[in-house]
Amino acid sequence: MRADRTAAAPVIQHVRYLIARRPDLPVAAIARHAGVASSTLKSLLSDDCRGPGEERTVSPAIARRLLALQLADLPCRERGYGGRSTDAAPAMEHVRALLDAHPALSQAAIARAVGMSPSTLAAALHDVAAGTPRRIQQAAAQQLLALDPDPLLTAAAVRRKDTMELRPVIDHLHALQLRYDRASRAFIARTAGVNPSTLASALLDHSRNPRRGIHIVVGRRILALDELPAPACPRRIQVTDTGLLRRLRALCAAGWTLEDIGAAGNISAKTLTAFSASHHPRGTPALRGAILAAWEELSHRPGPSTAARRRAQAKGWAPPLAWDNETIDDPSVSPSGIRNPGHQPPWNPDLLQHELTFLTRLGLSQAQALKRLGLGTRRAHRILTPTALAA
């Protein structure tokens, strides 16, 4: 037998005694309460059933855990299947009093101090507050009732050595969001190689306790971001929420559905619907970028939806040709220009030349400008003759 192994026979005999006394419990439950992998215990029992052969061995640590397990340690219905458990209410009331008296304390810190998982303590607090019967391990209850909060408060007051101030990170996030459209916190986190939930959790903790910091690696990665890639784009400071709403409604008036606009801007139609229907619309960075991207792609050509065009016309929404880039974001300006993209205006050379000059100044090619005006090249030539097409 190896020096680092011990005979398995006494261990197997003890486990079989426990199984005989508690036939209602699966082997996995016995293994779990002993702190042993269920596959390990099942393997020992399986080998023993194969008859005589080479002496079976087990590690001393596993042998000690299984031999120390007693019938009283196993769960049963009368004790809520909690082993040596007790009513959780007194301990949870004590924990709630500690949390109320010391706002700097966290549930997680209290749980770790007594060897409980934070989720177990949170569930027990929730059940007791709801009046639901709850039992916890007797040892954990005793430790909670005897808990001295002073060491925990001292630890909470001192920032961990692997953390840094969160305020500079928050200020940098805000600066990036002011510079870029489509710069959500989640997008910034992913760009920096940080899990978005990690950043969100740090910000939430800081809002509850300003002394809480952020892991130094996470903070440095965020602070190192000076530029953001697409789909984030430099923010157009002059773009207003009024202008965004006008652009969205103008695209609908041109025959584009919210699904089409959402696909072009990589945003959900539901988000666009909520923004369009709001009495006081406020554009988020993601929404701003989405509407502007869709405007750039779709505003110079008619959409395929007659229903969207009719609905917009019934609501009095002005199409893209009724706006220009200098006035669309000004709440005091009313739409002008071509009001109904479904009907051609009475074209004449001067009007067509004016529209072509205006659209090409916006950056559209001659073909795009004519398409936006609903004109073919041959008809435009006939209207402009003897005036040549704008170069």
Protein backbone atom coordinates (compact mmCIF):
# COMPACT_ATOMS: atom_id res chain seq x y z
CA MET A 1 0.00 0.00 0.00
CA ARG A 2 1.27 3.44 -0.85
CA ALA A 3 2.26 5.66 2.06
CA ASP A 4 -0.16 8.39 0.98
CA ARG A 5 -3.15 6.00 0.90
CA THR A 6 -5.20 4.25 3.57
CA ALA A 7 -7.39 1.14 3.59
CA ALA A 8 -10.83 1.74 2.17
CA ALA A 9 -12.59 -1.13 3.98
CA PRO A 10 -13.46 0.79 7.20
CA VAL A 11 -14.66 3.72 5.15
CA ILE A 12 -16.87 1.55 2.94
CA GLN A 13 -18.27 -0.26 5.98
CA HIS A 14 -19.19 3.08 7.62
CA VAL A 15 -20.84 4.37 4.46
CA ARG A 16 -22.86 1.15 4.10
CA TYR A 17 -24.02 1.58 7.70
CA LEU A 18 -25.25 5.11 6.86
CA ILE A 19 -27.00 3.85 3.72
CA ALA A 20 -28.71 1.06 5.66
CA ARG A 21 -30.00 3.54 8.27
CA ARG A 22 -31.05 6.11 5.68
CA PRO A 23 -32.19 4.18 2.60
CA ASP A 24 -34.24 7.22 1.51
CA LEU A 25 -31.10 9.23 0.77
CA PRO A 26 -29.17 8.83 -2.49
CA VAL A 27 -25.44 8.16 -2.35
CA ALA A 28 -24.86 11.61 -3.88
CA ALA A 29 -26.49 13.29 -0.86
CA ILE A 30 -24.21 11.39 1.54
CA ALA A 31 -21.17 12.32 -0.53
CA ARG A 32 -22.22 15.97 -0.67
CA HIS A 33 -22.63 16.25 3.10
CA ALA A 34 -19.21 14.67 3.58
CA GLY A 35 -17.59 17.09 1.14
CA VAL A 36 -16.64 14.29 -1.25
CA ALA A 37 -17.31 14.00 -4.96
CA SER A 38 -20.25 11.65 -5.52
CA SER A 39 -18.36 9.88 -8.32
CA THR A 40 -15.56 9.04 -5.86
CA LEU A 41 -17.92 7.48 -3.33
CA LYS A 42 -19.86 5.60 -6.00
CA SER A 43 -16.60 4.21 -7.38
CA LEU A 44 -15.58 2.91 -3.93
CA LEU A 45 -18.92 1.20 -3.42
CA SER A 46 -18.91 -0.22 -6.94
CA ASP A 47 -15.41 -1.70 -6.58
CA ASP A 48 -16.35 -3.28 -3.27
CA CYS A 49 -19.27 -5.09 -4.92
CA ARG A 50 -16.94 -6.87 -7.33
CA GLY A 51 -15.65 -9.27 -4.72
CA PRO A 52 -12.20 -9.99 -3.26
CA GLY A 53 -9.06 -8.86 -4.97
CA GLU A 54 -6.36 -6.34 -4.38
CA GLU A 55 -6.90 -4.31 -1.22
CA ARG A 56 -8.74 -1.08 -1.99
CA THR A 57 -7.31 2.21 -0.80
CA VAL A 58 -8.47 5.77 -0.49
CA SER A 59 -6.78 9.07 0.26
CA PRO A 60 -6.55 9.92 4.00
CA ALA A 61 -8.48 13.19 3.50
CA ILE A 62 -11.46 11.43 1.92
CA ALA A 63 -11.34 8.69 4.58
CA ARG A 64 -11.45 11.29 7.37
CA ARG A 65 -14.40 13.13 5.84
CA LEU A 66 -16.48 10.00 5.32
CA LEU A 67 -15.68 8.47 8.71
CA ALA A 68 -16.55 11.76 10.44
CA LEU A 69 -19.99 11.83 8.86
CA GLN A 70 -22.68 10.84 11.36
CA LEU A 71 -26.36 10.11 11.03
CA ALA A 72 -27.19 13.41 12.74
CA ASP A 73 -25.34 15.26 9.99
CA LEU A 74 -27.57 13.90 7.25
CA PRO A 75 -30.65 15.87 6.16
CA CYS A 76 -34.12 14.76 7.14
CA ARG A 77 -37.67 15.97 6.58
CA GLU A 78 -38.24 17.01 10.22
CA ARG A 79 -35.31 19.45 10.05
CA GLY A 80 -36.11 20.72 6.57
CA TYR A 81 -33.43 18.47 5.06
CA GLY A 82 -30.84 20.84 6.46
CA GLY A 83 -28.78 18.48 8.61
CA ARG A 84 -28.02 20.11 11.95
CA SER A 85 -30.15 23.11 11.10
CA THR A 86 -32.18 25.66 12.98
CA ASP A 87 -34.79 28.31 12.30
CA ALA A 88 -33.19 31.10 10.27
CA ALA A 89 -35.44 33.92 11.50
CA PRO A 90 -33.41 35.07 14.59
CA ALA A 91 -30.12 35.11 12.67
CA MET A 92 -31.68 36.90 9.67
CA GLU A 93 -33.27 39.53 11.90
CA HIS A 94 -29.84 40.12 13.45
CA VAL A 95 -28.26 40.43 10.00
CA ARG A 96 -30.96 42.86 8.88
CA ALA A 97 -30.35 44.97 11.99
CA LEU A 98 -26.60 45.03 11.24
CA LEU A 99 -27.22 46.12 7.65
CA ASP A 100 -29.61 48.87 8.74
CA ALA A 101 -27.23 50.13 11.44
CA HIS A 102 -24.13 50.01 9.24
CA PRO A 103 -24.88 50.98 5.60
CA ALA A 104 -21.23 50.39 4.66
CA LEU A 105 -21.64 46.67 5.35
CA SER A 106 -22.58 44.41 2.46
CA GLN A 107 -24.45 41.10 2.53
CA ALA A 108 -21.56 39.47 0.72
CA ALA A 109 -19.06 40.56 3.40
CA ILE A 110 -21.26 39.17 6.17
CA ALA A 111 -21.75 35.88 4.31
CA ARG A 112 -18.03 35.43 3.72
CA ALA A 113 -17.29 36.19 7.37
CA VAL A 114 -19.28 33.14 8.50
CA GLY A 115 -18.43 30.83 5.60
CA MET A 116 -21.78 31.10 3.82
CA SER A 117 -22.26 31.77 0.14
CA PRO A 118 -23.69 35.25 -0.55
CA SER A 119 -26.57 33.72 -2.52
CA THR A 120 -27.55 31.49 0.44
CA LEU A 121 -27.64 34.45 2.82
CA ALA A 122 -29.58 36.55 0.31
CA ALA A 123 -32.15 33.78 -0.15
CA ALA A 124 -32.54 33.34 3.61
CA LEU A 125 -33.01 37.09 4.12
CA HIS A 126 -35.61 37.17 1.36
CA ASP A 127 -37.57 34.18 2.71
CA VAL A 128 -37.62 35.44 6.30
CA ALA A 129 -38.71 38.93 5.16
CA ALA A 130 -41.52 37.29 3.16
CA GLY A 131 -42.63 35.20 6.14
CA THR A 132 -41.59 31.92 4.51
CA PRO A 133 -40.20 29.24 6.89
CA ARG A 134 -36.45 28.92 6.39
CA ARG A 135 -33.77 26.87 8.09
CA ILE A 136 -30.00 27.29 7.95
CA GLN A 137 -27.08 25.34 9.36
CA GLN A 138 -26.92 25.67 13.12
CA ALA A 139 -23.23 26.58 13.08
CA ALA A 140 -23.83 29.36 10.56
CA ALA A 141 -26.71 30.74 12.62
CA GLN A 142 -24.57 30.81 15.75
CA GLN A 143 -21.76 32.61 13.93
CA LEU A 144 -24.17 35.17 12.50
CA LEU A 145 -25.67 35.91 15.92
CA ALA A 146 -22.18 36.33 17.43
CA LEU A 147 -20.83 38.38 14.50
CA ASP A 148 -18.77 41.43 15.42
CA PRO A 149 -19.29 44.08 12.70
CA ASP A 150 -16.25 46.18 13.65
CA PRO A 151 -13.65 44.13 11.69
CA LEU A 152 -15.94 44.10 8.66
CA LEU A 153 -16.45 47.87 8.86
CA THR A 154 -12.70 48.38 9.13
CA ALA A 155 -12.16 46.25 6.03
CA ALA A 156 -14.91 48.11 4.17
CA ALA A 157 -13.34 51.48 5.01
CA VAL A 158 -9.98 50.46 3.51
CA ARG A 159 -9.87 50.02 -0.24
CA ARG A 160 -8.32 46.79 -1.42
CA LYS A 161 -4.80 47.09 -2.78
CA ASP A 162 -5.86 45.74 -6.17
CA THR A 163 -8.52 48.46 -6.67
CA MET A 164 -8.44 52.11 -7.66
CA GLU A 165 -10.68 55.19 -7.43
CA LEU A 166 -13.77 54.79 -9.60
CA ARG A 167 -14.54 58.49 -10.06
CA PRO A 168 -11.89 59.06 -12.80
CA VAL A 169 -13.28 56.03 -14.66
CA ILE A 170 -16.84 57.39 -14.43
CA ASP A 171 -15.69 60.82 -15.68
CA HIS A 172 -13.86 59.17 -18.60
CA LEU A 173 -16.96 57.15 -19.51
CA HIS A 174 -19.05 60.32 -19.57
CA ALA A 175 -16.42 62.09 -21.70
CA LEU A 176 -16.46 59.27 -24.27
CA GLN A 177 -20.25 59.30 -24.41
CA LEU A 178 -20.22 63.06 -25.01
CA ARG A 179 -17.74 62.65 -27.87
CA TYR A 180 -19.37 59.66 -29.57
CA ASP A 181 -22.81 58.54 -30.66
CA ARG A 182 -23.61 54.85 -30.12
CA ALA A 183 -21.18 54.78 -27.17
CA SER A 184 -23.12 52.83 -24.57
CA ARG A 185 -21.36 51.69 -21.42
CA ALA A 186 -21.61 48.09 -22.59
CA PHE A 187 -20.00 48.98 -25.95
CA ILE A 188 -17.19 50.90 -24.22
CA ALA A 189 -16.59 47.97 -21.85
CA ARG A 190 -16.40 45.43 -24.69
CA THR A 191 -14.07 47.71 -26.66
CA ALA A 192 -11.78 47.90 -23.63
CA GLY A 193 -11.81 44.11 -23.21
CA VAL A 194 -13.91 44.29 -20.05
CA ASN A 195 -17.01 42.25 -19.23
CA PRO A 196 -19.93 44.74 -19.38
CA SER A 197 -21.52 43.17 -16.28
CA THR A 198 -18.29 43.73 -14.33
CA LEU A 199 -18.37 47.43 -15.15
CA ALA A 200 -22.10 47.69 -14.43
CA SER A 201 -21.62 45.96 -11.05
CA ALA A 202 -18.78 48.33 -10.10
CA LEU A 203 -20.89 51.37 -11.00
CA LEU A 204 -23.83 50.05 -8.99
CA ASP A 205 -21.63 49.38 -5.94
CA HIS A 206 -20.18 52.89 -6.21
CA SER A 207 -23.66 54.43 -6.32
CA ARG A 208 -24.47 52.67 -3.06
CA ASN A 209 -21.14 53.35 -1.39
CA PRO A 210 -18.89 56.04 -2.96
CA ARG A 211 -15.86 54.54 -1.21
CA ARG A 212 -16.09 51.42 -3.34
CA GLY A 213 -13.46 51.28 -6.10
CA ILE A 214 -12.90 49.23 -9.22
CA HIS A 215 -10.31 46.58 -10.00
CA ILE A 216 -7.17 48.33 -11.15
CA VAL A 217 -6.90 46.28 -14.37
CA VAL A 218 -10.49 47.07 -15.34
CA GLY A 219 -10.08 50.75 -14.51
CA ARG A 220 -6.86 51.11 -16.49
CA ARG A 221 -8.36 49.45 -19.55
CA ILE A 222 -11.27 51.91 -19.56
CA LEU A 223 -8.98 54.91 -18.99
CA ALA A 224 -6.71 53.80 -21.84
CA LEU A 225 -9.54 54.23 -24.38
CA ASP A 226 -9.11 57.45 -26.35
CA GLU A 227 -10.87 56.48 -29.58
CA LEU A 228 -13.88 54.24 -30.22
CA PRO A 229 -14.34 52.09 -33.35
CA ALA A 230 -17.47 51.75 -35.47
CA PRO A 231 -20.38 51.59 -35.02
CA ALA A 232 -19.61 54.42 -32.59
CA CYS A 233 -19.14 57.68 -34.48
CA PRO A 234 -18.08 61.18 -33.47
CA ARG A 235 -21.05 62.99 -31.99
CA ARG A 236 -22.62 65.79 -33.96
CA ILE A 237 -23.12 68.36 -31.23
CA GLN A 238 -25.72 70.24 -33.24
CA VAL A 239 -28.02 67.21 -33.51
CA THR A 240 -31.00 67.61 -31.16
CA ASP A 241 -33.68 65.22 -29.97
CA THR A 242 -36.13 67.23 -32.08
CA GLY A 243 -33.94 66.67 -35.12
CA LEU A 244 -33.74 62.94 -34.42
CA LEU A 245 -37.52 62.70 -34.20
CA ARG A 246 -37.89 64.67 -37.45
CA ARG A 247 -35.43 62.38 -39.22
CA LEU A 248 -37.24 59.26 -38.01
CA ARG A 249 -40.65 60.57 -39.07
CA ALA A 250 -39.28 61.85 -42.37
CA LEU A 251 -37.97 58.38 -43.23
CA CYS A 252 -41.42 56.96 -42.49
CA ALA A 253 -42.93 59.66 -44.75
CA ALA A 254 -40.54 58.53 -47.50
CA GLY A 255 -41.96 55.01 -47.30
CA TRP A 256 -39.60 53.28 -44.88
CA THR A 257 -41.01 51.12 -42.10
CA LEU A 258 -39.57 51.17 -38.59
CA GLU A 259 -38.24 47.67 -39.26
CA ASP A 260 -36.36 48.98 -42.32
CA ILE A 261 -35.00 51.93 -40.35
CA GLY A 262 -34.01 49.69 -37.45
CA ALA A 263 -32.18 47.30 -39.78
CA ALA A 264 -30.26 50.19 -41.35
CA GLY A 265 -29.32 51.59 -37.93
CA ASN A 266 -28.82 48.26 -36.15
CA ILE A 267 -31.46 48.96 -33.51
CA SER A 268 -34.81 47.38 -32.68
CA ALA A 269 -38.05 48.69 -34.15
CA LYS A 270 -39.50 48.59 -30.63
CA THR A 271 -36.95 51.16 -29.45
CA LEU A 272 -37.76 53.40 -32.41
CA THR A 273 -41.50 53.07 -31.73
CA ALA A 274 -41.06 54.11 -28.10
CA PHE A 275 -38.96 57.11 -29.12
CA SER A 276 -41.41 58.19 -31.83
CA ALA A 277 -44.43 57.92 -29.51
CA SER A 278 -42.86 59.73 -26.55
CA HIS A 279 -44.21 63.17 -25.61
CA HIS A 280 -40.73 64.22 -24.45
CA PRO A 281 -38.32 62.09 -26.52
CA ARG A 282 -34.75 61.73 -25.28
CA GLY A 283 -32.15 60.13 -27.53
CA THR A 284 -29.60 57.79 -26.01
CA PRO A 285 -26.14 57.50 -27.62
CA ALA A 286 -27.19 54.23 -29.28
CA LEU A 287 -30.44 55.72 -30.57
CA ARG A 288 -28.73 58.85 -31.89
CA GLY A 289 -26.20 56.83 -33.83
CA ALA A 290 -28.84 54.45 -35.18
CA ILE A 291 -31.14 57.17 -36.53
CA LEU A 292 -28.25 59.13 -38.03
CA ALA A 293 -26.87 56.01 -39.71
CA ALA A 294 -30.30 55.15 -41.13
CA TRP A 295 -30.75 58.75 -42.29
CA GLU A 296 -27.47 58.68 -44.20
CA GLU A 297 -28.40 55.42 -45.91
CA LEU A 298 -32.11 55.86 -46.63
CA SER A 299 -33.02 59.52 -46.83
CA HIS A 300 -31.94 60.00 -50.46
CA ARG A 301 -34.21 57.26 -51.86
CA PRO A 302 -37.91 56.35 -51.54
CA GLY A 303 -38.95 53.41 -49.39
CA PRO A 304 -41.07 50.46 -50.49
CA SER A 305 -43.93 50.79 -47.99
CA THR A 306 -47.07 52.57 -49.21
CA ALA A 307 -48.67 51.97 -45.80
CA ALA A 308 -45.83 53.76 -43.98
CA ARG A 309 -46.10 56.67 -46.42
CA ARG A 310 -49.88 56.96 -45.98
CA ARG A 311 -49.67 56.76 -42.21
CA ALA A 312 -47.03 59.48 -42.09
CA GLN A 313 -49.06 61.66 -44.45
CA ALA A 314 -52.13 61.27 -42.22
CA LYS A 315 -50.08 62.40 -39.24
CA GLY A 316 -48.64 65.35 -41.13
CA TRP A 317 -45.03 64.16 -41.00
CA ALA A 318 -42.73 65.96 -43.40
CA PRO A 319 -40.57 63.85 -45.77
CA PRO A 320 -36.77 64.19 -46.06
CA LEU A 321 -37.00 66.70 -48.94
CA ALA A 322 -38.87 69.12 -46.67
CA TRP A 323 -35.77 69.55 -44.48
CA ASP A 324 -32.18 70.63 -44.90
CA ASN A 325 -29.21 69.91 -42.65
CA GLU A 326 -29.01 73.49 -41.38
CA THR A 327 -32.56 73.63 -39.99
CA ILE A 328 -33.74 70.10 -39.22
CA ASP A 329 -32.37 70.27 -35.66
CA ASP A 330 -33.80 73.72 -34.92
CA PRO A 331 -37.11 73.37 -33.02
CA SER A 332 -38.20 76.85 -34.15
CA VAL A 333 -38.01 76.03 -37.89
CA SER A 334 -40.92 74.56 -39.83
CA PRO A 335 -40.51 72.17 -42.76
CA SER A 336 -40.38 73.56 -46.26
CA GLY A 337 -39.42 72.31 -49.72
CA ILE A 338 -41.05 69.25 -51.28
CA ARG A 339 -43.82 68.15 -48.89
CA ASN A 340 -45.15 65.11 -50.73
CA PRO A 341 -42.61 62.68 -52.19
CA GLY A 342 -45.41 60.75 -53.91
CA HIS A 343 -46.23 63.58 -56.30
CA GLN A 344 -43.84 65.40 -58.59
CA PRO A 345 -43.75 69.22 -58.35
CA PRO A 346 -44.26 71.28 -61.48
CA TRP A 347 -40.65 71.15 -62.52
CA ASN A 348 -38.99 73.99 -64.39
CA PRO A 349 -35.31 74.53 -65.18
CA ASP A 350 -34.72 77.03 -62.36
CA LEU A 351 -36.37 74.85 -59.67
CA LEU A 352 -34.60 71.68 -60.77
CA GLN A 353 -31.23 73.45 -60.97
CA HIS A 354 -31.77 74.83 -57.47
CA GLU A 355 -32.62 71.38 -56.06
CA LEU A 356 -29.64 69.73 -57.77
CA THR A 357 -27.25 72.36 -56.47
CA PHE A 358 -28.63 71.99 -52.97
CA LEU A 359 -28.45 68.18 -52.91
CA THR A 360 -24.98 67.93 -54.42
CA ARG A 361 -23.77 70.43 -51.83
CA LEU A 362 -24.94 67.94 -49.20
CA GLY A 363 -22.58 65.34 -50.66
CA LEU A 364 -24.92 63.38 -52.91
CA SER A 365 -23.81 62.38 -56.34
CA GLN A 366 -25.78 63.60 -59.36
CA ALA A 367 -27.41 60.17 -59.74
CA GLN A 368 -28.37 60.06 -56.06
CA ALA A 369 -29.79 63.57 -56.23
CA LEU A 370 -31.95 62.73 -59.24
CA LYS A 371 -33.14 59.52 -57.59
CA ARG A 372 -34.06 61.42 -54.44
CA LEU A 373 -36.05 63.86 -56.57
CA GLY A 374 -37.78 61.00 -58.37
CA LEU A 375 -36.39 61.92 -61.76
CA GLY A 376 -34.67 59.90 -64.41
CA THR A 377 -31.63 61.24 -66.26
CA ARG A 378 -33.46 61.64 -69.58
CA ARG A 379 -36.35 63.58 -68.06
CA ALA A 380 -33.93 65.80 -66.14
CA HIS A 381 -32.13 66.57 -69.42
CA ARG A 382 -35.41 67.52 -71.08
CA ILE A 383 -36.36 69.82 -68.17
CA LEU A 384 -32.98 71.50 -68.03
CA THR A 385 -32.53 71.92 -71.78
CA PRO A 386 -30.97 74.16 -72.90
CA THR A 387 -29.55 74.45 -69.34
CA ALA A 388 -26.83 71.83 -68.81
CA LEU A 389 -26.96 69.47 -65.83
CA ALA A 390 -25.05 70.70 -62.82
CA ALA A 391 -21.55 69.31 -62.76
